[in-house]
Amino acid sequence: MCQIRTAPPKDEREYPLVITAEEKDKVLNYILVVANGKRTAKLNYKDIPDLRISKEQYEIVLEEFKNRRFIDYKGYGIEYLTLNFEIFNFAEKGGFTVERDLYILSFDTFQMQLERLEKELSPDTAAKVDDVVGKAKNITELLIGLSALAEKMNL
């Protein structure tokens, strides 16, 4: 009698909506551990300890690493990686968590500069700056709005 093949059990775990810097750092650090000073590494998604992203999210992380020229790779399931010097430089600088923290810090610094500038401006100009800041949906819109305001006021 032939055995009937069954589908593997469905993964019922819930994964995050976004891939955090901490999860990317787990993959980054594991690559370096597996490479152990070599230029190549054989990596399997299931072997990375405490990884809290899906297989598809893991593949997205590897794509990002490839786009940032950290690695080149071949394979599916088990990846055969070739490490580029950029991965070592990035890891030495603290990886994704430090990159994220510096990004946040630069926004905090920007906000403090705006608050200081607001105190130095006339009430009318400060109101215009507040209006631009309030309408901006992202940093690009904010910079465009502030540049336009500065041109109008000849700052």
Protein backbone atom coordinates (compact mmCIF):
# COMPACT_ATOMS: atom_id res chain seq x y z
CA MET A 1 0.00 0.00 0.00
CA CYS A 2 1.30 3.48 -0.91
CA GLN A 3 1.63 6.14 1.70
CA ILE A 4 -0.10 9.39 1.00
CA ARG A 5 2.09 12.45 1.23
CA THR A 6 0.84 15.15 3.51
CA ALA A 7 1.67 18.81 3.49
CA PRO A 8 4.12 20.00 6.11
CA PRO A 9 2.44 21.59 9.12
CA LYS A 10 1.49 25.21 8.60
CA ASP A 11 3.61 27.74 10.44
CA GLU A 12 1.19 29.23 12.97
CA ARG A 13 3.65 31.67 14.52
CA GLU A 14 2.93 35.38 14.25
CA TYR A 15 5.68 37.45 12.74
CA PRO A 16 6.30 41.19 13.04
CA LEU A 17 4.94 43.53 10.41
CA VAL A 18 8.35 45.15 10.07
CA ILE A 19 11.83 43.71 10.21
CA THR A 20 13.56 45.39 13.12
CA ALA A 21 17.18 46.42 13.31
CA GLU A 22 17.69 43.82 16.05
CA GLU A 23 16.53 40.99 13.77
CA LYS A 24 18.78 42.19 10.94
CA ASP A 25 21.68 42.29 13.38
CA LYS A 26 20.99 38.66 14.37
CA VAL A 27 21.36 37.63 10.73
CA LEU A 28 24.43 39.86 10.26
CA ASN A 29 26.17 38.53 13.35
CA TYR A 30 25.31 34.92 12.56
CA ILE A 31 26.82 35.29 9.08
CA LEU A 32 30.06 36.52 10.65
CA VAL A 33 30.07 33.70 13.22
CA VAL A 34 29.50 31.03 10.56
CA ALA A 35 32.15 32.56 8.27
CA ASN A 36 34.60 32.46 11.19
CA GLY A 37 37.11 34.75 9.52
CA LYS A 38 36.63 33.29 6.06
CA ARG A 39 35.14 34.93 3.02
CA THR A 40 32.42 32.31 2.59
CA ALA A 41 29.61 31.02 4.77
CA LYS A 42 26.94 28.36 4.43
CA LEU A 43 23.79 29.66 6.08
CA ASN A 44 20.42 28.12 6.87
CA TYR A 45 17.43 30.13 8.12
CA LYS A 46 16.55 27.50 10.72
CA ASP A 47 20.00 27.64 12.33
CA ILE A 48 19.87 31.31 13.38
CA PRO A 49 19.06 31.37 17.11
CA ASP A 50 16.12 33.42 18.42
CA LEU A 51 15.28 34.80 14.97
CA ARG A 52 11.75 36.23 15.09
CA ILE A 53 11.10 36.85 11.41
CA SER A 54 9.53 34.60 8.79
CA LYS A 55 11.47 32.74 6.12
CA GLU A 56 10.26 35.28 3.56
CA GLN A 57 11.37 38.19 5.76
CA TYR A 58 14.74 36.47 6.18
CA GLU A 59 15.06 36.31 2.39
CA ILE A 60 14.23 40.02 2.22
CA VAL A 61 17.03 40.69 4.73
CA LEU A 62 19.47 38.74 2.55
CA GLU A 63 18.31 40.75 -0.48
CA GLU A 64 19.00 43.96 1.44
CA PHE A 65 22.44 42.65 2.39
CA LYS A 66 23.09 41.89 -1.27
CA ASN A 67 21.83 45.32 -2.38
CA ARG A 68 24.10 46.98 0.19
CA ARG A 69 26.95 44.87 -1.18
CA PHE A 70 27.54 43.07 2.11
CA ILE A 71 27.19 39.66 0.46
CA ASP A 72 26.66 37.76 -2.75
CA TYR A 73 24.76 34.49 -2.57
CA LYS A 74 23.41 31.47 -4.37
CA GLY A 75 20.93 28.92 -3.18
CA TYR A 76 17.50 28.55 -1.76
CA GLY A 77 16.95 27.30 1.77
CA ILE A 78 20.65 26.92 2.41
CA GLU A 79 22.48 29.95 1.14
CA TYR A 80 26.09 29.87 0.08
CA LEU A 81 27.33 33.35 0.86
CA THR A 82 30.38 35.24 -0.28
CA LEU A 83 31.14 38.07 2.11
CA ASN A 84 32.32 41.46 0.87
CA PHE A 85 34.38 43.92 2.91
CA GLU A 86 31.33 46.16 3.46
CA ILE A 87 29.80 43.64 5.88
CA PHE A 88 32.85 43.79 8.14
CA ASN A 89 32.94 47.60 8.11
CA PHE A 90 29.22 47.81 8.86
CA ALA A 91 29.45 45.30 11.72
CA GLU A 92 32.45 47.13 13.17
CA LYS A 93 30.42 50.36 13.24
CA GLY A 94 27.67 48.67 15.27
CA GLY A 95 25.34 47.26 12.64
CA PHE A 96 21.70 48.09 12.13
CA THR A 97 20.83 49.06 15.71
CA VAL A 98 23.52 51.74 15.77
CA GLU A 99 22.46 52.93 12.31
CA ARG A 100 18.85 53.24 13.54
CA ASP A 101 19.90 54.95 16.77
CA LEU A 102 21.99 57.49 14.87
CA TYR A 103 19.03 58.16 12.58
CA ILE A 104 16.78 58.81 15.59
CA LEU A 105 19.44 60.93 17.25
CA SER A 106 19.76 63.10 14.14
CA PHE A 107 15.99 63.72 14.23
CA ASP A 108 16.15 64.62 17.92
CA THR A 109 18.98 67.05 17.19
CA PHE A 110 16.99 68.50 14.29
CA GLN A 111 13.96 68.97 16.55
CA MET A 112 16.06 70.74 19.21
CA GLN A 113 17.49 73.06 16.55
CA LEU A 114 13.98 73.89 15.33
CA GLU A 115 12.82 74.62 18.89
CA ARG A 116 15.83 76.89 19.48
CA LEU A 117 15.25 78.64 16.16
CA GLU A 118 11.58 79.08 17.02
CA LYS A 119 12.54 81.00 20.19
CA GLU A 120 14.76 83.34 18.17
CA LEU A 121 12.12 84.11 15.53
CA SER A 122 9.37 86.66 15.68
CA PRO A 123 5.95 85.29 16.71
CA ASP A 124 4.67 85.63 13.12
CA THR A 125 7.63 83.72 11.66
CA ALA A 126 7.45 81.10 14.41
CA ALA A 127 3.78 80.52 13.54
CA LYS A 128 4.73 80.01 9.88
CA VAL A 129 7.42 77.49 10.84
CA ASP A 130 4.92 75.66 13.09
CA ASP A 131 2.48 75.53 10.17
CA VAL A 132 5.11 74.00 7.85
CA VAL A 133 6.15 71.46 10.49
CA GLY A 134 2.54 70.52 11.19
CA LYS A 135 1.71 69.92 7.52
CA ALA A 136 4.81 67.86 6.70
CA LYS A 137 4.12 64.14 6.36
CA ASN A 138 7.79 63.16 6.16
CA ILE A 139 11.26 64.63 6.39
CA THR A 140 11.40 65.43 2.67
CA GLU A 141 8.22 67.51 2.82
CA LEU A 142 9.52 69.23 5.94
CA LEU A 143 12.80 70.21 4.30
CA ILE A 144 11.05 71.40 1.14
CA GLY A 145 8.57 73.45 3.19
CA LEU A 146 11.26 75.03 5.35
CA SER A 147 13.39 75.83 2.29
CA ALA A 148 10.43 77.50 0.59
CA LEU A 149 9.67 79.49 3.75
CA ALA A 150 13.31 80.57 4.03
CA GLU A 151 13.29 81.77 0.40
CA LYS A 152 10.11 83.80 0.98
CA MET A 153 11.62 85.43 4.04
CA ASN A 154 15.10 85.86 2.50
CA LEU A 155 16.78 83.95 5.33
